[in-house]
Amino acid sequence: MEVDLSVVNGDAGSDAGVEHGARLVAFVEAVMQGDDAAIERERRELLAVLPAESFVDAAATIGAFNIVDRVADATGIALDEMLEAMSSDFRGKLKLERFASAANTRQAK
């Protein structure tokens, strides 16, 4: 599957190659911003196009990524060499260096 990661940075207005991708990104943005009205609106919009089971999977994925990232940042866990190598291409596409937690990622040598 070909996925356009630029949508995560607000660079694209499409589904990015993922079914209902724009709706999913809008839901993630609402959750991460903590805007209750936007969360409710995006929840309704997403449930209109996804089965309830898929919506639960999406919400659980947001929660899992959010908590794992916070635990790693709080404890100072650095990205291990193998994961760094495997993810370097898409970390660049996602512009992850703009986040303070990028300091926990080893720099490629």
C-alpha atoms as a PDB file:
ATOM      1  CA  MET A   1       0.000   0.000   0.000  1.00  0.00           C
ATOM      2  CA  GLU A   2       1.331   3.434  -0.909  1.00  0.00           C
ATOM      3  CA  VAL A   3       0.692   5.993   1.857  1.00  0.00           C
ATOM      4  CA  ASP A   4       1.391   9.746   1.659  1.00  0.00           C
ATOM      5  CA  LEU A   5       2.869  10.647   5.058  1.00  0.00           C
ATOM      6  CA  SER A   6       2.806  14.377   4.264  1.00  0.00           C
ATOM      7  CA  VAL A   7      -0.840  14.453   5.346  1.00  0.00           C
ATOM      8  CA  VAL A   8       0.363  14.114   8.951  1.00  0.00           C
ATOM      9  CA  ASN A   9       2.168  17.451   8.610  1.00  0.00           C
ATOM     10  CA  GLY A  10      -0.834  19.183   7.092  1.00  0.00           C
ATOM     11  CA  ASP A  11       0.807  19.156   3.667  1.00  0.00           C
ATOM     12  CA  ALA A  12      -1.977  17.291   1.897  1.00  0.00           C
ATOM     13  CA  GLY A  13      -5.741  17.480   2.005  1.00  0.00           C
ATOM     14  CA  SER A  14      -6.467  13.989   0.797  1.00  0.00           C
ATOM     15  CA  ASP A  15      -6.999  10.590   2.341  1.00  0.00           C
ATOM     16  CA  ALA A  16      -3.253   9.974   1.752  1.00  0.00           C
ATOM     17  CA  GLY A  17      -3.923   6.537   0.317  1.00  0.00           C
ATOM     18  CA  VAL A  18      -5.800   5.338   3.414  1.00  0.00           C
ATOM     19  CA  GLU A  19      -9.535   4.776   3.304  1.00  0.00           C
ATOM     20  CA  HIS A  20     -11.157   7.644   5.268  1.00  0.00           C
ATOM     21  CA  GLY A  21      -7.663   8.981   5.960  1.00  0.00           C
ATOM     22  CA  ALA A  22      -8.730  12.631   6.125  1.00  0.00           C
ATOM     23  CA  ARG A  23     -11.418  11.777   8.694  1.00  0.00           C
ATOM     24  CA  LEU A  24      -8.924   9.754  10.738  1.00  0.00           C
ATOM     25  CA  VAL A  25      -6.391  12.593  10.739  1.00  0.00           C
ATOM     26  CA  ALA A  26      -9.095  15.083  11.769  1.00  0.00           C
ATOM     27  CA  PHE A  27     -10.049  12.812  14.680  1.00  0.00           C
ATOM     28  CA  VAL A  28      -6.418  12.441  15.795  1.00  0.00           C
ATOM     29  CA  GLU A  29      -5.927  16.221  15.632  1.00  0.00           C
ATOM     30  CA  ALA A  30      -9.061  16.848  17.699  1.00  0.00           C
ATOM     31  CA  VAL A  31      -8.006  14.314  20.343  1.00  0.00           C
ATOM     32  CA  MET A  32      -4.441  15.606  20.566  1.00  0.00           C
ATOM     33  CA  GLN A  33      -5.637  19.209  20.864  1.00  0.00           C
ATOM     34  CA  GLY A  34      -8.074  18.234  23.622  1.00  0.00           C
ATOM     35  CA  ASP A  35     -10.934  20.181  22.069  1.00  0.00           C
ATOM     36  CA  ASP A  36     -14.059  18.444  23.409  1.00  0.00           C
ATOM     37  CA  ALA A  37     -16.394  19.965  20.812  1.00  0.00           C
ATOM     38  CA  ALA A  38     -14.061  18.975  17.969  1.00  0.00           C
ATOM     39  CA  ILE A  39     -13.623  15.484  19.413  1.00  0.00           C
ATOM     40  CA  GLU A  40     -17.390  14.992  19.553  1.00  0.00           C
ATOM     41  CA  ARG A  41     -17.840  16.341  16.014  1.00  0.00           C
ATOM     42  CA  GLU A  42     -15.026  14.205  14.570  1.00  0.00           C
ATOM     43  CA  ARG A  43     -16.245  11.148  16.482  1.00  0.00           C
ATOM     44  CA  ARG A  44     -19.680  11.519  14.857  1.00  0.00           C
ATOM     45  CA  GLU A  45     -18.127  12.072  11.414  1.00  0.00           C
ATOM     46  CA  LEU A  46     -15.875   9.040  11.752  1.00  0.00           C
ATOM     47  CA  LEU A  47     -18.637   6.784  13.059  1.00  0.00           C
ATOM     48  CA  ALA A  48     -20.680   7.762   9.991  1.00  0.00           C
ATOM     49  CA  VAL A  49     -18.075   6.131   7.709  1.00  0.00           C
ATOM     50  CA  LEU A  50     -16.486   3.410   9.874  1.00  0.00           C
ATOM     51  CA  PRO A  51     -17.948   0.378  11.615  1.00  0.00           C
ATOM     52  CA  ALA A  52     -17.949   0.749  15.403  1.00  0.00           C
ATOM     53  CA  GLU A  53     -15.200  -1.882  15.734  1.00  0.00           C
ATOM     54  CA  SER A  54     -12.910   0.075  13.410  1.00  0.00           C
ATOM     55  CA  PHE A  55     -13.621   3.283  15.307  1.00  0.00           C
ATOM     56  CA  VAL A  56     -12.638   1.567  18.567  1.00  0.00           C
ATOM     57  CA  ASP A  57      -9.421   0.356  16.913  1.00  0.00           C
ATOM     58  CA  ALA A  58      -8.627   3.915  15.773  1.00  0.00           C
ATOM     59  CA  ALA A  59      -9.305   5.381  19.226  1.00  0.00           C
ATOM     60  CA  ALA A  60      -7.244   2.654  20.913  1.00  0.00           C
ATOM     61  CA  THR A  61      -4.353   3.295  18.529  1.00  0.00           C
ATOM     62  CA  ILE A  62      -4.394   7.013  19.350  1.00  0.00           C
ATOM     63  CA  GLY A  63      -4.377   6.211  23.058  1.00  0.00           C
ATOM     64  CA  ALA A  64      -1.628   3.607  22.771  1.00  0.00           C
ATOM     65  CA  PHE A  65       0.700   5.843  20.773  1.00  0.00           C
ATOM     66  CA  ASN A  66       0.011   8.755  23.093  1.00  0.00           C
ATOM     67  CA  ILE A  67       0.823   6.879  26.298  1.00  0.00           C
ATOM     68  CA  VAL A  68       3.821   4.944  24.966  1.00  0.00           C
ATOM     69  CA  ASP A  69       5.365   8.183  23.700  1.00  0.00           C
ATOM     70  CA  ARG A  70       4.761   9.937  27.038  1.00  0.00           C
ATOM     71  CA  VAL A  71       6.303   7.079  29.027  1.00  0.00           C
ATOM     72  CA  ALA A  72       9.360   6.996  26.756  1.00  0.00           C
ATOM     73  CA  ASP A  73       9.784  10.777  27.004  1.00  0.00           C
ATOM     74  CA  ALA A  74       9.293  10.866  30.775  1.00  0.00           C
ATOM     75  CA  THR A  75      11.825   8.132  31.394  1.00  0.00           C
ATOM     76  CA  GLY A  76      14.299   9.340  28.780  1.00  0.00           C
ATOM     77  CA  ILE A  77      14.229   6.106  26.794  1.00  0.00           C
ATOM     78  CA  ALA A  78      16.194   6.650  23.595  1.00  0.00           C
ATOM     79  CA  LEU A  79      15.302   5.036  20.309  1.00  0.00           C
ATOM     80  CA  ASP A  80      17.414   1.885  19.944  1.00  0.00           C
ATOM     81  CA  GLU A  81      19.787   1.515  16.979  1.00  0.00           C
ATOM     82  CA  MET A  82      17.684  -1.062  15.139  1.00  0.00           C
ATOM     83  CA  LEU A  83      14.475   0.962  15.373  1.00  0.00           C
ATOM     84  CA  GLU A  84      16.342   4.124  14.457  1.00  0.00           C
ATOM     85  CA  ALA A  85      17.667   2.482  11.286  1.00  0.00           C
ATOM     86  CA  MET A  86      14.286   0.988  10.382  1.00  0.00           C
ATOM     87  CA  SER A  87      12.417   4.258  10.867  1.00  0.00           C
ATOM     88  CA  SER A  88      14.841   6.912   9.639  1.00  0.00           C
ATOM     89  CA  ASP A  89      13.141   7.405   6.265  1.00  0.00           C
ATOM     90  CA  PHE A  90       9.642   8.014   7.588  1.00  0.00           C
ATOM     91  CA  ARG A  91      10.821   9.960  10.664  1.00  0.00           C
ATOM     92  CA  GLY A  92      12.282  12.465   8.195  1.00  0.00           C
ATOM     93  CA  LYS A  93       9.083  12.584   6.140  1.00  0.00           C
ATOM     94  CA  LEU A  94       7.071  13.200   9.317  1.00  0.00           C
ATOM     95  CA  LYS A  95       9.444  16.011  10.370  1.00  0.00           C
ATOM     96  CA  LEU A  96       9.687  14.525  13.860  1.00  0.00           C
ATOM     97  CA  GLU A  97      12.801  16.548  14.668  1.00  0.00           C
ATOM     98  CA  ARG A  98      10.522  19.551  15.311  1.00  0.00           C
ATOM     99  CA  PHE A  99       9.369  17.953  18.583  1.00  0.00           C
ATOM    100  CA  ALA A 100      11.336  18.327  21.827  1.00  0.00           C
ATOM    101  CA  SER A 101      11.258  14.557  22.328  1.00  0.00           C
ATOM    102  CA  ALA A 102      13.426  14.178  19.222  1.00  0.00           C
ATOM    103  CA  ALA A 103      16.344  14.857  21.575  1.00  0.00           C
ATOM    104  CA  ASN A 104      15.886  11.255  22.770  1.00  0.00           C
ATOM    105  CA  THR A 105      16.625   9.903  19.280  1.00  0.00           C
ATOM    106  CA  ARG A 106      20.212   9.009  18.501  1.00  0.00           C
ATOM    107  CA  GLN A 107      21.652  10.982  15.628  1.00  0.00           C
ATOM    108  CA  ALA A 108      22.701   8.982  12.588  1.00  0.00           C
ATOM    109  CA  LYS A 109      26.451   8.778  12.213  1.00  0.00           C
END
